[in-house]
Amino acid sequence: MGGIGKTQICLRFIEEMSDHFSHVFWIDASSVCTIERGLKGICNIYGAQSSVLLGSHESALSRIGSLR
């Protein structure tokens, strides 16, 4: 469903609701592999390596859930 404005809707939502979010992450969700790679990248950015789940997508989800 390319070209129907999904990204523009997301950008507008972020613009309108920016007071409610401290972080915005864009993850390629075209496959399970790219989702996991994106989450691991977030994990690396925010230093979640100290987590028990070192570098895993579970670690990234835990880290994202703790952001305020």
PDB file of N, CA and C in Angstrom:
ATOM      1  N   MET A   1       0.832  -1.202   0.000  1.00  0.00           N
ATOM      2  CA  MET A   1       0.000   0.000   0.000  1.00  0.00           C
ATOM      3  C   MET A   1       0.870   1.256   0.000  1.00  0.00           C
ATOM      4  N   GLY A   2       1.874   1.251  -0.840  1.00  0.00           N
ATOM      5  CA  GLY A   2       2.748   2.404  -0.924  1.00  0.00           C
ATOM      6  C   GLY A   2       2.066   3.627  -1.497  1.00  0.00           C
ATOM      7  N   GLY A   3       2.481   4.791  -1.016  1.00  0.00           N
ATOM      8  CA  GLY A   3       2.015   6.040  -1.596  1.00  0.00           C
ATOM      9  C   GLY A   3       0.665   6.536  -1.148  1.00  0.00           C
ATOM     10  N   ILE A   4       0.120   5.988  -0.060  1.00  0.00           N
ATOM     11  CA  ILE A   4      -1.209   6.444   0.373  1.00  0.00           C
ATOM     12  C   ILE A   4      -1.140   7.410   1.555  1.00  0.00           C
ATOM     13  N   GLY A   5       0.090   7.787   1.972  1.00  0.00           N
ATOM     14  CA  GLY A   5       0.225   8.816   2.999  1.00  0.00           C
ATOM     15  C   GLY A   5       0.414   8.333   4.422  1.00  0.00           C
ATOM     16  N   LYS A   6       0.828   7.089   4.613  1.00  0.00           N
ATOM     17  CA  LYS A   6       1.001   6.557   5.980  1.00  0.00           C
ATOM     18  C   LYS A   6       2.038   7.363   6.765  1.00  0.00           C
ATOM     19  N   THR A   7       3.157   7.669   6.120  1.00  0.00           N
ATOM     20  CA  THR A   7       4.209   8.426   6.799  1.00  0.00           C
ATOM     21  C   THR A   7       3.721   9.820   7.152  1.00  0.00           C
ATOM     22  N   GLN A   8       2.991  10.452   6.258  1.00  0.00           N
ATOM     23  CA  GLN A   8       2.483  11.797   6.517  1.00  0.00           C
ATOM     24  C   GLN A   8       1.504  11.804   7.690  1.00  0.00           C
ATOM     25  N   ILE A   9       0.693  10.769   7.795  1.00  0.00           N
ATOM     26  CA  ILE A   9      -0.227  10.653   8.929  1.00  0.00           C
ATOM     27  C   ILE A   9       0.561  10.535  10.229  1.00  0.00           C
ATOM     28  N   CYS A  10       1.605   9.711  10.220  1.00  0.00           N
ATOM     29  CA  CYS A  10       2.441   9.547  11.415  1.00  0.00           C
ATOM     30  C   CYS A  10       3.122  10.847  11.791  1.00  0.00           C
ATOM     31  N   LEU A  11       3.677  11.540  10.808  1.00  0.00           N
ATOM     32  CA  LEU A  11       4.347  12.813  11.090  1.00  0.00           C
ATOM     33  C   LEU A  11       3.370  13.840  11.665  1.00  0.00           C
ATOM     34  N   ARG A  12       2.190  13.875  11.135  1.00  0.00           N
ATOM     35  CA  ARG A  12       1.164  14.806  11.640  1.00  0.00           C
ATOM     36  C   ARG A  12       0.769  14.446  13.073  1.00  0.00           C
ATOM     37  N   PHE A  13       0.612  13.161  13.346  1.00  0.00           N
ATOM     38  CA  PHE A  13       0.280  12.707  14.692  1.00  0.00           C
ATOM     39  C   PHE A  13       1.369  13.127  15.679  1.00  0.00           C
ATOM     40  N   ILE A  14       2.632  12.910  15.304  1.00  0.00           N
ATOM     41  CA  ILE A  14       3.751  13.284  16.175  1.00  0.00           C
ATOM     42  C   ILE A  14       3.742  14.793  16.419  1.00  0.00           C
ATOM     43  N   GLU A  15       3.508  15.562  15.370  1.00  0.00           N
ATOM     44  CA  GLU A  15       3.464  17.015  15.492  1.00  0.00           C
ATOM     45  C   GLU A  15       2.357  17.447  16.452  1.00  0.00           C
ATOM     46  N   GLU A  16       1.184  16.874  16.295  1.00  0.00           N
ATOM     47  CA  GLU A  16       0.031  17.256  17.116  1.00  0.00           C
ATOM     48  C   GLU A  16       0.141  16.787  18.562  1.00  0.00           C
ATOM     49  N   MET A  17       0.805  15.645  18.770  1.00  0.00           N
ATOM     50  CA  MET A  17       0.848  15.035  20.105  1.00  0.00           C
ATOM     51  C   MET A  17       2.229  15.093  20.757  1.00  0.00           C
ATOM     52  N   SER A  18       3.119  15.931  20.255  1.00  0.00           N
ATOM     53  CA  SER A  18       4.507  15.936  20.723  1.00  0.00           C
ATOM     54  C   SER A  18       4.639  16.185  22.223  1.00  0.00           C
ATOM     55  N   ASP A  19       3.689  16.871  22.828  1.00  0.00           N
ATOM     56  CA  ASP A  19       3.744  17.108  24.279  1.00  0.00           C
ATOM     57  C   ASP A  19       3.569  15.826  25.082  1.00  0.00           C
ATOM     58  N   HIS A  20       3.066  14.772  24.471  1.00  0.00           N
ATOM     59  CA  HIS A  20       2.783  13.521  25.163  1.00  0.00           C
ATOM     60  C   HIS A  20       3.891  12.478  25.034  1.00  0.00           C
ATOM     61  N   PHE A  21       4.910  12.772  24.235  1.00  0.00           N
ATOM     62  CA  PHE A  21       5.977  11.800  23.987  1.00  0.00           C
ATOM     63  C   PHE A  21       7.339  12.438  24.222  1.00  0.00           C
ATOM     64  N   SER A  22       8.237  11.693  24.836  1.00  0.00           N
ATOM     65  CA  SER A  22       9.595  12.196  25.027  1.00  0.00           C
ATOM     66  C   SER A  22      10.530  11.695  23.929  1.00  0.00           C
ATOM     67  N   HIS A  23      10.174  10.621  23.257  1.00  0.00           N
ATOM     68  CA  HIS A  23      11.005  10.028  22.217  1.00  0.00           C
ATOM     69  C   HIS A  23      10.120   9.502  21.092  1.00  0.00           C
ATOM     70  N   VAL A  24      10.664   9.536  19.886  1.00  0.00           N
ATOM     71  CA  VAL A  24       9.992   8.950  18.735  1.00  0.00           C
ATOM     72  C   VAL A  24      11.010   8.073  18.020  1.00  0.00           C
ATOM     73  N   PHE A  25      10.666   6.831  17.767  1.00  0.00           N
ATOM     74  CA  PHE A  25      11.544   5.899  17.084  1.00  0.00           C
ATOM     75  C   PHE A  25      10.883   5.446  15.795  1.00  0.00           C
ATOM     76  N   TRP A  26      11.656   5.434  14.715  1.00  0.00           N
ATOM     77  CA  TRP A  26      11.187   4.917  13.435  1.00  0.00           C
ATOM     78  C   TRP A  26      11.882   3.590  13.206  1.00  0.00           C
ATOM     79  N   ILE A  27      11.108   2.552  13.004  1.00  0.00           N
ATOM     80  CA  ILE A  27      11.661   1.216  12.800  1.00  0.00           C
ATOM     81  C   ILE A  27      11.089   0.644  11.506  1.00  0.00           C
ATOM     82  N   ASP A  28      11.967   0.109  10.676  1.00  0.00           N
ATOM     83  CA  ASP A  28      11.548  -0.556   9.448  1.00  0.00           C
ATOM     84  C   ASP A  28      10.823  -1.848   9.831  1.00  0.00           C
ATOM     85  N   ALA A  29       9.546  -1.911   9.540  1.00  0.00           N
ATOM     86  CA  ALA A  29       8.743  -3.073   9.914  1.00  0.00           C
ATOM     87  C   ALA A  29       8.407  -3.943   8.710  1.00  0.00           C
ATOM     88  N   SER A  30       9.284  -3.934   7.708  1.00  0.00           N
ATOM     89  CA  SER A  30       8.997  -4.723   6.512  1.00  0.00           C
ATOM     90  C   SER A  30       9.215  -6.213   6.720  1.00  0.00           C
ATOM     91  N   SER A  31       9.926  -6.587   7.790  1.00  0.00           N
ATOM     92  CA  SER A  31      10.097  -8.006   8.111  1.00  0.00           C
ATOM     93  C   SER A  31      10.440  -8.139   9.596  1.00  0.00           C
ATOM     94  N   VAL A  32      10.326  -9.339  10.102  1.00  0.00           N
ATOM     95  CA  VAL A  32      10.691  -9.593  11.500  1.00  0.00           C
ATOM     96  C   VAL A  32      12.160  -9.241  11.718  1.00  0.00           C
ATOM     97  N   CYS A  33      12.997  -9.583  10.749  1.00  0.00           N
ATOM     98  CA  CYS A  33      14.431  -9.319  10.848  1.00  0.00           C
ATOM     99  C   CYS A  33      14.714  -7.816  10.965  1.00  0.00           C
ATOM    100  N   THR A  34      14.051  -6.997  10.156  1.00  0.00           N
ATOM    101  CA  THR A  34      14.313  -5.561  10.210  1.00  0.00           C
ATOM    102  C   THR A  34      13.757  -4.936  11.485  1.00  0.00           C
ATOM    103  N   ILE A  35      12.665  -5.476  11.998  1.00  0.00           N
ATOM    104  CA  ILE A  35      12.131  -4.994  13.274  1.00  0.00           C
ATOM    105  C   ILE A  35      13.129  -5.289  14.388  1.00  0.00           C
ATOM    106  N   GLU A  36      13.616  -6.514  14.438  1.00  0.00           N
ATOM    107  CA  GLU A  36      14.586  -6.877  15.480  1.00  0.00           C
ATOM    108  C   GLU A  36      15.862  -6.050  15.341  1.00  0.00           C
ATOM    109  N   ARG A  37      16.321  -5.833  14.120  1.00  0.00           N
ATOM    110  CA  ARG A  37      17.527  -5.030  13.892  1.00  0.00           C
ATOM    111  C   ARG A  37      17.299  -3.593  14.377  1.00  0.00           C
ATOM    112  N   GLY A  38      16.139  -3.033  14.087  1.00  0.00           N
ATOM    113  CA  GLY A  38      15.817  -1.676  14.533  1.00  0.00           C
ATOM    114  C   GLY A  38      15.770  -1.566  16.044  1.00  0.00           C
ATOM    115  N   LEU A  39      15.166  -2.558  16.683  1.00  0.00           N
ATOM    116  CA  LEU A  39      15.087  -2.540  18.148  1.00  0.00           C
ATOM    117  C   LEU A  39      16.471  -2.688  18.776  1.00  0.00           C
ATOM    118  N   LYS A  40      17.301  -3.532  18.186  1.00  0.00           N
ATOM    119  CA  LYS A  40      18.672  -3.682  18.697  1.00  0.00           C
ATOM    120  C   LYS A  40      19.447  -2.380  18.516  1.00  0.00           C
ATOM    121  N   GLY A  41      19.186  -1.673  17.439  1.00  0.00           N
ATOM    122  CA  GLY A  41      19.828  -0.379  17.229  1.00  0.00           C
ATOM    123  C   GLY A  41      19.447   0.617  18.303  1.00  0.00           C
ATOM    124  N   ILE A  42      18.177   0.625  18.694  1.00  0.00           N
ATOM    125  CA  ILE A  42      17.730   1.494  19.784  1.00  0.00           C
ATOM    126  C   ILE A  42      18.435   1.102  21.067  1.00  0.00           C
ATOM    127  N   CYS A  43      18.539  -0.174  21.287  1.00  0.00           N
ATOM    128  CA  CYS A  43      19.223  -0.697  22.471  1.00  0.00           C
ATOM    129  C   CYS A  43      20.651  -0.147  22.520  1.00  0.00           C
ATOM    130  N   ASN A  44      21.347  -0.159  21.400  1.00  0.00           N
ATOM    131  CA  ASN A  44      22.722   0.336  21.345  1.00  0.00           C
ATOM    132  C   ASN A  44      22.792   1.840  21.581  1.00  0.00           C
ATOM    133  N   ILE A  45      21.869   2.580  21.007  1.00  0.00           N
ATOM    134  CA  ILE A  45      21.865   4.034  21.145  1.00  0.00           C
ATOM    135  C   ILE A  45      21.720   4.447  22.608  1.00  0.00           C
ATOM    136  N   TYR A  46      20.846   3.813  23.322  1.00  0.00           N
ATOM    137  CA  TYR A  46      20.549   4.225  24.686  1.00  0.00           C
ATOM    138  C   TYR A  46      21.329   3.457  25.740  1.00  0.00           C
ATOM    139  N   GLY A  47      22.378   2.764  25.340  1.00  0.00           N
ATOM    140  CA  GLY A  47      23.240   2.116  26.316  1.00  0.00           C
ATOM    141  C   GLY A  47      22.570   1.018  27.107  1.00  0.00           C
ATOM    142  N   ALA A  48      21.634   0.326  26.492  1.00  0.00           N
ATOM    143  CA  ALA A  48      20.927  -0.739  27.196  1.00  0.00           C
ATOM    144  C   ALA A  48      21.766  -2.001  27.289  1.00  0.00           C
ATOM    145  N   GLN A  49      23.044  -1.928  26.892  1.00  0.00           N
ATOM    146  CA  GLN A  49      23.903  -3.095  26.948  1.00  0.00           C
ATOM    147  C   GLN A  49      24.055  -3.616  28.375  1.00  0.00           C
ATOM    148  N   SER A  50      23.792  -2.771  29.344  1.00  0.00           N
ATOM    149  CA  SER A  50      23.899  -3.219  30.725  1.00  0.00           C
ATOM    150  C   SER A  50      22.761  -4.155  31.106  1.00  0.00           C
ATOM    151  N   SER A  51      21.781  -4.282  30.242  1.00  0.00           N
ATOM    152  CA  SER A  51      20.644  -5.153  30.508  1.00  0.00           C
ATOM    153  C   SER A  51      21.057  -6.623  30.509  1.00  0.00           C
ATOM    154  N   VAL A  52      20.294  -7.390  31.224  1.00  0.00           N
ATOM    155  CA  VAL A  52      20.500  -8.837  31.262  1.00  0.00           C
ATOM    156  C   VAL A  52      20.361  -9.443  29.864  1.00  0.00           C
ATOM    157  N   LEU A  53      19.515  -8.860  29.037  1.00  0.00           N
ATOM    158  CA  LEU A  53      19.251  -9.373  27.699  1.00  0.00           C
ATOM    159  C   LEU A  53      20.148  -8.695  26.669  1.00  0.00           C
ATOM    160  N   LEU A  54      21.363  -8.438  27.023  1.00  0.00           N
ATOM    161  CA  LEU A  54      22.376  -7.736  26.244  1.00  0.00           C
ATOM    162  C   LEU A  54      22.096  -7.660  24.746  1.00  0.00           C
ATOM    163  N   GLY A  55      21.702  -6.489  24.273  1.00  0.00           N
ATOM    164  CA  GLY A  55      21.542  -6.252  22.856  1.00  0.00           C
ATOM    165  C   GLY A  55      20.362  -6.929  22.183  1.00  0.00           C
ATOM    166  N   SER A  56      19.462  -7.491  22.911  1.00  0.00           N
ATOM    167  CA  SER A  56      18.336  -8.188  22.302  1.00  0.00           C
ATOM    168  C   SER A  56      17.179  -7.222  22.060  1.00  0.00           C
ATOM    169  N   HIS A  57      16.245  -7.642  21.222  1.00  0.00           N
ATOM    170  CA  HIS A  57      15.077  -6.798  21.002  1.00  0.00           C
ATOM    171  C   HIS A  57      14.225  -6.702  22.267  1.00  0.00           C
ATOM    172  N   GLU A  58      14.246  -7.734  23.101  1.00  0.00           N
ATOM    173  CA  GLU A  58      13.517  -7.677  24.372  1.00  0.00           C
ATOM    174  C   GLU A  58      14.100  -6.587  25.265  1.00  0.00           C
ATOM    175  N   SER A  59      15.424  -6.461  25.249  1.00  0.00           N
ATOM    176  CA  SER A  59      16.094  -5.433  26.024  1.00  0.00           C
ATOM    177  C   SER A  59      15.679  -4.047  25.540  1.00  0.00           C
ATOM    178  N   ALA A  60      15.625  -3.889  24.227  1.00  0.00           N
ATOM    179  CA  ALA A  60      15.223  -2.596  23.660  1.00  0.00           C
ATOM    180  C   ALA A  60      13.801  -2.261  24.051  1.00  0.00           C
ATOM    181  N   LEU A  61      12.893  -3.216  23.979  1.00  0.00           N
ATOM    182  CA  LEU A  61      11.496  -2.969  24.361  1.00  0.00           C
ATOM    183  C   LEU A  61      11.396  -2.591  25.830  1.00  0.00           C
ATOM    184  N   SER A  62      12.180  -3.245  26.666  1.00  0.00           N
ATOM    185  CA  SER A  62      12.208  -2.904  28.083  1.00  0.00           C
ATOM    186  C   SER A  62      12.712  -1.484  28.285  1.00  0.00           C
ATOM    187  N   ARG A  63      13.768  -1.130  27.564  1.00  0.00           N
ATOM    188  CA  ARG A  63      14.341   0.217  27.667  1.00  0.00           C
ATOM    189  C   ARG A  63      13.344   1.252  27.185  1.00  0.00           C
ATOM    190  N   ILE A  64      12.699   1.015  26.059  1.00  0.00           N
ATOM    191  CA  ILE A  64      11.713   1.954  25.544  1.00  0.00           C
ATOM    192  C   ILE A  64      10.585   2.133  26.557  1.00  0.00           C
ATOM    193  N   GLY A  65      10.164   1.040  27.165  1.00  0.00           N
ATOM    194  CA  GLY A  65       9.095   1.110  28.150  1.00  0.00           C
ATOM    195  C   GLY A  65       9.455   1.910  29.387  1.00  0.00           C
ATOM    196  N   SER A  66      10.739   2.062  29.655  1.00  0.00           N
ATOM    197  CA  SER A  66      11.166   2.804  30.854  1.00  0.00           C
ATOM    198  C   SER A  66      11.426   4.283  30.578  1.00  0.00           C
ATOM    199  N   LEU A  67      11.405   4.700  29.314  1.00  0.00           N
ATOM    200  CA  LEU A  67      11.651   6.102  28.980  1.00  0.00           C
ATOM    201  C   LEU A  67      10.488   6.977  29.408  1.00  0.00           C
ATOM    202  N   ARG A  68      10.817   8.138  29.879  1.00  0.00           N
ATOM    203  CA  ARG A  68       9.786   9.109  30.303  1.00  0.00           C
ATOM    204  C   ARG A  68      10.007  10.420  29.602  1.00  0.00           C
TER     205      ARG A  68
END
